[in-house]
ModelCIF file with pLDDT and N, C-alpha, C, O atoms, coordinates in Angstrom:
data_MODEL
#
_entry.id   MODEL 
#
_entity.id                         1 
_entity.type                       polymer 
_entity.pdbx_number_of_molecules   1 
#
_entity_poly.entity_id                      1 
_entity_poly.type                           'polypeptide(L)' 
_entity_poly.nstd_linkage                   no 
_entity_poly.nstd_monomer                   no 
_entity_poly.pdbx_seq_one_letter_code       LENLQALLEQNQPPVDLIFCSHAHDDHCRGLLQ 
_entity_poly.pdbx_seq_one_letter_code_can   LENLQALLEQNQPPVDLIFCSHAHDDHCRGLLQ 
_entity_poly.pdbx_strand_id                 A 
#
loop_
_entity_poly_seq.entity_id 
_entity_poly_seq.num 
_entity_poly_seq.mon_id 
_entity_poly_seq.hetero 
1 1  LEU n 
1 2  GLU n 
1 3  ASN n 
1 4  LEU n 
1 5  GLN n 
1 6  ALA n 
1 7  LEU n 
1 8  LEU n 
1 9  GLU n 
1 10 GLN n 
1 11 ASN n 
1 12 GLN n 
1 13 PRO n 
1 14 PRO n 
1 15 VAL n 
1 16 ASP n 
1 17 LEU n 
1 18 ILE n 
1 19 PHE n 
1 20 CYS n 
1 21 SER n 
1 22 HIS n 
1 23 ALA n 
1 24 HIS n 
1 25 ASP n 
1 26 ASP n 
1 27 HIS n 
1 28 CYS n 
1 29 ARG n 
1 30 GLY n 
1 31 LEU n 
1 32 LEU n 
1 33 GLN n 
#
_struct_asym.id          A 
_struct_asym.entity_id   1 
#
loop_
_ma_qa_metric.id 
_ma_qa_metric.mode 
_ma_qa_metric.name 
_ma_qa_metric.software_group_id 
_ma_qa_metric.type 
1 global pLDDT . pLDDT 
2 local  pLDDT . pLDDT 
#
_ma_qa_metric_global.metric_id      1 
_ma_qa_metric_global.metric_value   93.15 
_ma_qa_metric_global.model_id       1 
_ma_qa_metric_global.ordinal_id     1 
#
loop_
_ma_qa_metric_local.label_asym_id 
_ma_qa_metric_local.label_comp_id 
_ma_qa_metric_local.label_seq_id 
_ma_qa_metric_local.metric_id 
_ma_qa_metric_local.metric_value 
_ma_qa_metric_local.model_id 
_ma_qa_metric_local.ordinal_id 
A LEU 1  2 94.00 1 1  
A GLU 2  2 91.00 1 2  
A ASN 3  2 92.00 1 3  
A LEU 4  2 93.00 1 4  
A GLN 5  2 92.00 1 5  
A ALA 6  2 91.00 1 6  
A LEU 7  2 93.00 1 7  
A LEU 8  2 91.00 1 8  
A GLU 9  2 86.00 1 9  
A GLN 10 2 81.00 1 10 
A ASN 11 2 83.00 1 11 
A GLN 12 2 89.00 1 12 
A PRO 13 2 92.00 1 13 
A PRO 14 2 94.00 1 14 
A VAL 15 2 96.00 1 15 
A ASP 16 2 97.00 1 16 
A LEU 17 2 97.00 1 17 
A ILE 18 2 98.00 1 18 
A PHE 19 2 98.00 1 19 
A CYS 20 2 98.00 1 20 
A SER 21 2 98.00 1 21 
A HIS 22 2 97.00 1 22 
A ALA 23 2 95.00 1 23 
A HIS 24 2 95.00 1 24 
A ASP 25 2 92.00 1 25 
A ASP 26 2 94.00 1 26 
A HIS 27 2 96.00 1 27 
A CYS 28 2 95.00 1 28 
A ARG 29 2 94.00 1 29 
A GLY 30 2 94.00 1 30 
A LEU 31 2 94.00 1 31 
A LEU 32 2 92.00 1 32 
A GLN 33 2 92.00 1 33 
#
loop_
_atom_site.group_PDB 
_atom_site.id 
_atom_site.type_symbol 
_atom_site.label_atom_id 
_atom_site.label_alt_id 
_atom_site.label_comp_id 
_atom_site.label_asym_id 
_atom_site.label_entity_id 
_atom_site.label_seq_id 
_atom_site.pdbx_PDB_ins_code 
_atom_site.Cartn_x 
_atom_site.Cartn_y 
_atom_site.Cartn_z 
_atom_site.occupancy 
_atom_site.B_iso_or_equiv 
_atom_site.pdbx_formal_charge 
_atom_site.auth_seq_id 
_atom_site.auth_comp_id 
_atom_site.auth_asym_id 
_atom_site.auth_atom_id 
_atom_site.pdbx_PDB_model_num 
ATOM 1   N N  . LEU A 1 1  ? 2.254  0.308   0.287  1.00 94.00 ? 1  LEU A N  1 
ATOM 2   C CA . LEU A 1 1  ? 2.432  -0.838  -0.617 1.00 94.00 ? 1  LEU A CA 1 
ATOM 3   C C  . LEU A 1 1  ? 1.447  -1.952  -0.290 1.00 94.00 ? 1  LEU A C  1 
ATOM 4   O O  . LEU A 1 1  ? 1.081  -2.163  0.866  1.00 94.00 ? 1  LEU A O  1 
ATOM 5   N N  . GLU A 1 2  ? 1.026  -2.659  -1.334 1.00 91.00 ? 2  GLU A N  1 
ATOM 6   C CA . GLU A 1 2  ? 0.220  -3.856  -1.127 1.00 91.00 ? 2  GLU A CA 1 
ATOM 7   C C  . GLU A 1 2  ? 1.115  -5.082  -1.041 1.00 91.00 ? 2  GLU A C  1 
ATOM 8   O O  . GLU A 1 2  ? 0.855  -5.995  -0.257 1.00 91.00 ? 2  GLU A O  1 
ATOM 9   N N  . ASN A 1 3  ? 2.160  -5.100  -1.843 1.00 92.00 ? 3  ASN A N  1 
ATOM 10  C CA . ASN A 1 3  ? 3.123  -6.200  -1.827 1.00 92.00 ? 3  ASN A CA 1 
ATOM 11  C C  . ASN A 1 3  ? 4.342  -5.782  -1.002 1.00 92.00 ? 3  ASN A C  1 
ATOM 12  O O  . ASN A 1 3  ? 5.094  -4.893  -1.402 1.00 92.00 ? 3  ASN A O  1 
ATOM 13  N N  . LEU A 1 4  ? 4.533  -6.431  0.157  1.00 93.00 ? 4  LEU A N  1 
ATOM 14  C CA . LEU A 1 4  ? 5.619  -6.059  1.069  1.00 93.00 ? 4  LEU A CA 1 
ATOM 15  C C  . LEU A 1 4  ? 6.815  -7.004  0.994  1.00 93.00 ? 4  LEU A C  1 
ATOM 16  O O  . LEU A 1 4  ? 7.641  -7.029  1.907  1.00 93.00 ? 4  LEU A O  1 
ATOM 17  N N  . GLN A 1 5  ? 6.914  -7.768  -0.069 1.00 92.00 ? 5  GLN A N  1 
ATOM 18  C CA . GLN A 1 5  ? 7.975  -8.769  -0.154 1.00 92.00 ? 5  GLN A CA 1 
ATOM 19  C C  . GLN A 1 5  ? 9.358  -8.158  0.073  1.00 92.00 ? 5  GLN A C  1 
ATOM 20  O O  . GLN A 1 5  ? 10.187 -8.744  0.770  1.00 92.00 ? 5  GLN A O  1 
ATOM 21  N N  . ALA A 1 6  ? 9.609  -6.995  -0.504 1.00 91.00 ? 6  ALA A N  1 
ATOM 22  C CA . ALA A 1 6  ? 10.933 -6.371  -0.383 1.00 91.00 ? 6  ALA A CA 1 
ATOM 23  C C  . ALA A 1 6  ? 11.254 -5.983  1.058  1.00 91.00 ? 6  ALA A C  1 
ATOM 24  O O  . ALA A 1 6  ? 12.422 -5.925  1.441  1.00 91.00 ? 6  ALA A O  1 
ATOM 25  N N  . LEU A 1 7  ? 10.223 -5.716  1.857  1.00 93.00 ? 7  LEU A N  1 
ATOM 26  C CA . LEU A 1 7  ? 10.427 -5.307  3.249  1.00 93.00 ? 7  LEU A CA 1 
ATOM 27  C C  . LEU A 1 7  ? 10.427 -6.494  4.208  1.00 93.00 ? 7  LEU A C  1 
ATOM 28  O O  . LEU A 1 7  ? 10.905 -6.388  5.337  1.00 93.00 ? 7  LEU A O  1 
ATOM 29  N N  . LEU A 1 8  ? 9.891  -7.617  3.754  1.00 91.00 ? 8  LEU A N  1 
ATOM 30  C CA . LEU A 1 8  ? 9.757  -8.777  4.646  1.00 91.00 ? 8  LEU A CA 1 
ATOM 31  C C  . LEU A 1 8  ? 10.744 -9.894  4.318  1.00 91.00 ? 8  LEU A C  1 
ATOM 32  O O  . LEU A 1 8  ? 10.665 -10.973 4.907  1.00 91.00 ? 8  LEU A O  1 
ATOM 33  N N  . GLU A 1 9  ? 11.676 -9.656  3.386  1.00 86.00 ? 9  GLU A N  1 
ATOM 34  C CA . GLU A 1 9  ? 12.536 -10.736 2.930  1.00 86.00 ? 9  GLU A CA 1 
ATOM 35  C C  . GLU A 1 9  ? 13.562 -11.173 3.978  1.00 86.00 ? 9  GLU A C  1 
ATOM 36  O O  . GLU A 1 9  ? 14.158 -12.243 3.854  1.00 86.00 ? 9  GLU A O  1 
ATOM 37  N N  . GLN A 1 10 ? 13.767 -10.355 4.999  1.00 81.00 ? 10 GLN A N  1 
ATOM 38  C CA . GLN A 1 10 ? 14.682 -10.739 6.064  1.00 81.00 ? 10 GLN A CA 1 
ATOM 39  C C  . GLN A 1 10 ? 13.891 -11.008 7.344  1.00 81.00 ? 10 GLN A C  1 
ATOM 40  O O  . GLN A 1 10 ? 12.736 -10.600 7.468  1.00 81.00 ? 10 GLN A O  1 
ATOM 41  N N  . ASN A 1 11 ? 14.521 -11.692 8.284  1.00 83.00 ? 11 ASN A N  1 
ATOM 42  C CA . ASN A 1 11 ? 13.842 -12.028 9.538  1.00 83.00 ? 11 ASN A CA 1 
ATOM 43  C C  . ASN A 1 11 ? 14.027 -10.957 10.609 1.00 83.00 ? 11 ASN A C  1 
ATOM 44  O O  . ASN A 1 11 ? 13.751 -11.197 11.784 1.00 83.00 ? 11 ASN A O  1 
ATOM 45  N N  . GLN A 1 12 ? 14.485 -9.799  10.211 1.00 89.00 ? 12 GLN A N  1 
ATOM 46  C CA . GLN A 1 12 ? 14.647 -8.697  11.149 1.00 89.00 ? 12 GLN A CA 1 
ATOM 47  C C  . GLN A 1 12 ? 14.024 -7.442  10.564 1.00 89.00 ? 12 GLN A C  1 
ATOM 48  O O  . GLN A 1 12 ? 13.856 -7.349  9.348  1.00 89.00 ? 12 GLN A O  1 
ATOM 49  N N  . PRO A 1 13 ? 13.677 -6.474  11.407 1.00 92.00 ? 13 PRO A N  1 
ATOM 50  C CA . PRO A 1 13 ? 13.037 -5.260  10.906 1.00 92.00 ? 13 PRO A CA 1 
ATOM 51  C C  . PRO A 1 13 ? 13.886 -4.595  9.820  1.00 92.00 ? 13 PRO A C  1 
ATOM 52  O O  . PRO A 1 13 ? 15.097 -4.454  9.986  1.00 92.00 ? 13 PRO A O  1 
ATOM 53  N N  . PRO A 1 14 ? 13.272 -4.191  8.726  1.00 94.00 ? 14 PRO A N  1 
ATOM 54  C CA . PRO A 1 14 ? 14.028 -3.602  7.622  1.00 94.00 ? 14 PRO A CA 1 
ATOM 55  C C  . PRO A 1 14 ? 14.440 -2.155  7.890  1.00 94.00 ? 14 PRO A C  1 
ATOM 56  O O  . PRO A 1 14 ? 15.291 -1.608  7.188  1.00 94.00 ? 14 PRO A O  1 
ATOM 57  N N  . VAL A 1 15 ? 13.832 -1.534  8.911  1.00 96.00 ? 15 VAL A N  1 
ATOM 58  C CA . VAL A 1 15 ? 14.129 -0.126  9.218  1.00 96.00 ? 15 VAL A CA 1 
ATOM 59  C C  . VAL A 1 15 ? 14.172 0.047   10.738 1.00 96.00 ? 15 VAL A C  1 
ATOM 60  O O  . VAL A 1 15 ? 13.868 -0.875  11.495 1.00 96.00 ? 15 VAL A O  1 
ATOM 61  N N  . ASP A 1 16 ? 14.557 1.253   11.160 1.00 97.00 ? 16 ASP A N  1 
ATOM 62  C CA . ASP A 1 16 ? 14.602 1.539   12.598 1.00 97.00 ? 16 ASP A CA 1 
ATOM 63  C C  . ASP A 1 16 ? 13.284 2.093   13.117 1.00 97.00 ? 16 ASP A C  1 
ATOM 64  O O  . ASP A 1 16 ? 12.937 1.889   14.281 1.00 97.00 ? 16 ASP A O  1 
ATOM 65  N N  . LEU A 1 17 ? 12.552 2.787   12.263 1.00 97.00 ? 17 LEU A N  1 
ATOM 66  C CA . LEU A 1 17 ? 11.240 3.309   12.660 1.00 97.00 ? 17 LEU A CA 1 
ATOM 67  C C  . LEU A 1 17 ? 10.436 3.630   11.416 1.00 97.00 ? 17 LEU A C  1 
ATOM 68  O O  . LEU A 1 17 ? 10.978 3.755   10.318 1.00 97.00 ? 17 LEU A O  1 
ATOM 69  N N  . ILE A 1 18 ? 9.123  3.761   11.611 1.00 98.00 ? 18 ILE A N  1 
ATOM 70  C CA . ILE A 1 18 ? 8.200  4.075   10.520 1.00 98.00 ? 18 ILE A CA 1 
ATOM 71  C C  . ILE A 1 18 ? 7.439  5.340   10.883 1.00 98.00 ? 18 ILE A C  1 
ATOM 72  O O  . ILE A 1 18 ? 7.072  5.551   12.039 1.00 98.00 ? 18 ILE A O  1 
ATOM 73  N N  . PHE A 1 19 ? 7.207  6.177   9.880  1.00 98.00 ? 19 PHE A N  1 
ATOM 74  C CA . PHE A 1 19 ? 6.326  7.333   10.059 1.00 98.00 ? 19 PHE A CA 1 
ATOM 75  C C  . PHE A 1 19 ? 5.143  7.178   9.120  1.00 98.00 ? 19 PHE A C  1 
ATOM 76  O O  . PHE A 1 19 ? 5.324  6.944   7.925  1.00 98.00 ? 19 PHE A O  1 
ATOM 77  N N  . CYS A 1 20 ? 3.936  7.307   9.648  1.00 98.00 ? 20 CYS A N  1 
ATOM 78  C CA . CYS A 1 20 ? 2.722  7.278   8.835  1.00 98.00 ? 20 CYS A CA 1 
ATOM 79  C C  . CYS A 1 20 ? 2.137  8.689   8.809  1.00 98.00 ? 20 CYS A C  1 
ATOM 80  O O  . CYS A 1 20 ? 1.763  9.234   9.847  1.00 98.00 ? 20 CYS A O  1 
ATOM 81  N N  . SER A 1 21 ? 2.062  9.274   7.611  1.00 98.00 ? 21 SER A N  1 
ATOM 82  C CA . SER A 1 21 ? 1.632  10.670  7.506  1.00 98.00 ? 21 SER A CA 1 
ATOM 83  C C  . SER A 1 21 ? 0.139  10.846  7.723  1.00 98.00 ? 21 SER A C  1 
ATOM 84  O O  . SER A 1 21 ? -0.279 11.828  8.336  1.00 98.00 ? 21 SER A O  1 
ATOM 85  N N  . HIS A 1 22 ? -0.686 9.906   7.229  1.00 97.00 ? 22 HIS A N  1 
ATOM 86  C CA . HIS A 1 22 ? -2.134 10.034  7.433  1.00 97.00 ? 22 HIS A CA 1 
ATOM 87  C C  . HIS A 1 22 ? -2.815 8.719   7.061  1.00 97.00 ? 22 HIS A C  1 
ATOM 88  O O  . HIS A 1 22 ? -2.156 7.758   6.664  1.00 97.00 ? 22 HIS A O  1 
ATOM 89  N N  . ALA A 1 23 ? -4.131 8.690   7.193  1.00 95.00 ? 23 ALA A N  1 
ATOM 90  C CA . ALA A 1 23 ? -4.863 7.423   7.162  1.00 95.00 ? 23 ALA A CA 1 
ATOM 91  C C  . ALA A 1 23 ? -5.477 7.067   5.815  1.00 95.00 ? 23 ALA A C  1 
ATOM 92  O O  . ALA A 1 23 ? -6.355 6.206   5.772  1.00 95.00 ? 23 ALA A O  1 
ATOM 93  N N  . HIS A 1 24 ? -5.065 7.677   4.726  1.00 95.00 ? 24 HIS A N  1 
ATOM 94  C CA . HIS A 1 24 ? -5.517 7.217   3.410  1.00 95.00 ? 24 HIS A CA 1 
ATOM 95  C C  . HIS A 1 24 ? -4.744 5.963   3.029  1.00 95.00 ? 24 HIS A C  1 
ATOM 96  O O  . HIS A 1 24 ? -3.554 5.843   3.320  1.00 95.00 ? 24 HIS A O  1 
ATOM 97  N N  . ASP A 1 25 ? -5.434 5.026   2.373  1.00 92.00 ? 25 ASP A N  1 
ATOM 98  C CA . ASP A 1 25 ? -4.832 3.705   2.192  1.00 92.00 ? 25 ASP A CA 1 
ATOM 99  C C  . ASP A 1 25 ? -3.588 3.696   1.315  1.00 92.00 ? 25 ASP A C  1 
ATOM 100 O O  . ASP A 1 25 ? -2.769 2.786   1.439  1.00 92.00 ? 25 ASP A O  1 
ATOM 101 N N  . ASP A 1 26 ? -3.416 4.689   0.424  1.00 94.00 ? 26 ASP A N  1 
ATOM 102 C CA . ASP A 1 26 ? -2.195 4.689   -0.388 1.00 94.00 ? 26 ASP A CA 1 
ATOM 103 C C  . ASP A 1 26 ? -0.978 5.111   0.422  1.00 94.00 ? 26 ASP A C  1 
ATOM 104 O O  . ASP A 1 26 ? 0.133  5.138   -0.107 1.00 94.00 ? 26 ASP A O  1 
ATOM 105 N N  . HIS A 1 27 ? -1.169 5.439   1.696  1.00 96.00 ? 27 HIS A N  1 
ATOM 106 C CA . HIS A 1 27 ? -0.055 5.770   2.593  1.00 96.00 ? 27 HIS A CA 1 
ATOM 107 C C  . HIS A 1 27 ? 0.071  4.785   3.758  1.00 96.00 ? 27 HIS A C  1 
ATOM 108 O O  . HIS A 1 27 ? 1.087  4.772   4.452  1.00 96.00 ? 27 HIS A O  1 
ATOM 109 N N  . CYS A 1 28 ? -0.954 3.966   3.970  1.00 95.00 ? 28 CYS A N  1 
ATOM 110 C CA . CYS A 1 28 ? -0.916 3.087   5.160  1.00 95.00 ? 28 CYS A CA 1 
ATOM 111 C C  . CYS A 1 28 ? -1.292 1.650   4.861  1.00 95.00 ? 28 CYS A C  1 
ATOM 112 O O  . CYS A 1 28 ? -1.395 0.845   5.787  1.00 95.00 ? 28 CYS A O  1 
ATOM 113 N N  . ARG A 1 29 ? -1.502 1.299   3.597  1.00 94.00 ? 29 ARG A N  1 
ATOM 114 C CA . ARG A 1 29 ? -2.038 -0.005  3.220  1.00 94.00 ? 29 ARG A CA 1 
ATOM 115 C C  . ARG A 1 29 ? -1.254 -1.173  3.814  1.00 94.00 ? 29 ARG A C  1 
ATOM 116 O O  . ARG A 1 29 ? -1.852 -2.180  4.193  1.00 94.00 ? 29 ARG A O  1 
ATOM 117 N N  . GLY A 1 30 ? 0.073  -1.058  3.903  1.00 94.00 ? 30 GLY A N  1 
ATOM 118 C CA . GLY A 1 30 ? 0.888  -2.177  4.365  1.00 94.00 ? 30 GLY A CA 1 
ATOM 119 C C  . GLY A 1 30 ? 1.250  -2.142  5.835  1.00 94.00 ? 30 GLY A C  1 
ATOM 120 O O  . GLY A 1 30 ? 1.992  -3.006  6.303  1.00 94.00 ? 30 GLY A O  1 
ATOM 121 N N  . LEU A 1 31 ? 0.743  -1.158  6.582  1.00 94.00 ? 31 LEU A N  1 
ATOM 122 C CA . LEU A 1 31 ? 1.169  -0.996  7.984  1.00 94.00 ? 31 LEU A CA 1 
ATOM 123 C C  . LEU A 1 31 ? 0.817  -2.183  8.861  1.00 94.00 ? 31 LEU A C  1 
ATOM 124 O O  . LEU A 1 31 ? 1.657  -2.652  9.629  1.00 94.00 ? 31 LEU A O  1 
ATOM 125 N N  . LEU A 1 32 ? -0.411 -2.678  8.760  1.00 92.00 ? 32 LEU A N  1 
ATOM 126 C CA . LEU A 1 32 ? -0.831 -3.765  9.642  1.00 92.00 ? 32 LEU A CA 1 
ATOM 127 C C  . LEU A 1 32 ? 0.028  -5.005  9.417  1.00 92.00 ? 32 LEU A C  1 
ATOM 128 O O  . LEU A 1 32 ? 0.459  -5.643  10.377 1.00 92.00 ? 32 LEU A O  1 
ATOM 129 N N  . GLN A 1 33 ? 0.278  -5.350  8.158  1.00 92.00 ? 33 GLN A N  1 
ATOM 130 C CA . GLN A 1 33 ? 1.100  -6.518  7.856  1.00 92.00 ? 33 GLN A CA 1 
ATOM 131 C C  . GLN A 1 33 ? 2.526  -6.327  8.372  1.00 92.00 ? 33 GLN A C  1 
ATOM 132 O O  . GLN A 1 33 ? 3.366  -7.212  8.208  1.00 92.00 ? 33 GLN A O  1 
#
């Protein structure tokens, strides 16, 4: 995602863990943020 508002709306992690399948931007675009 480019817009992470839905994941950042709370002050705590929205999930317990993240899995990134590979390095194409349509799968990792929002990871750094």
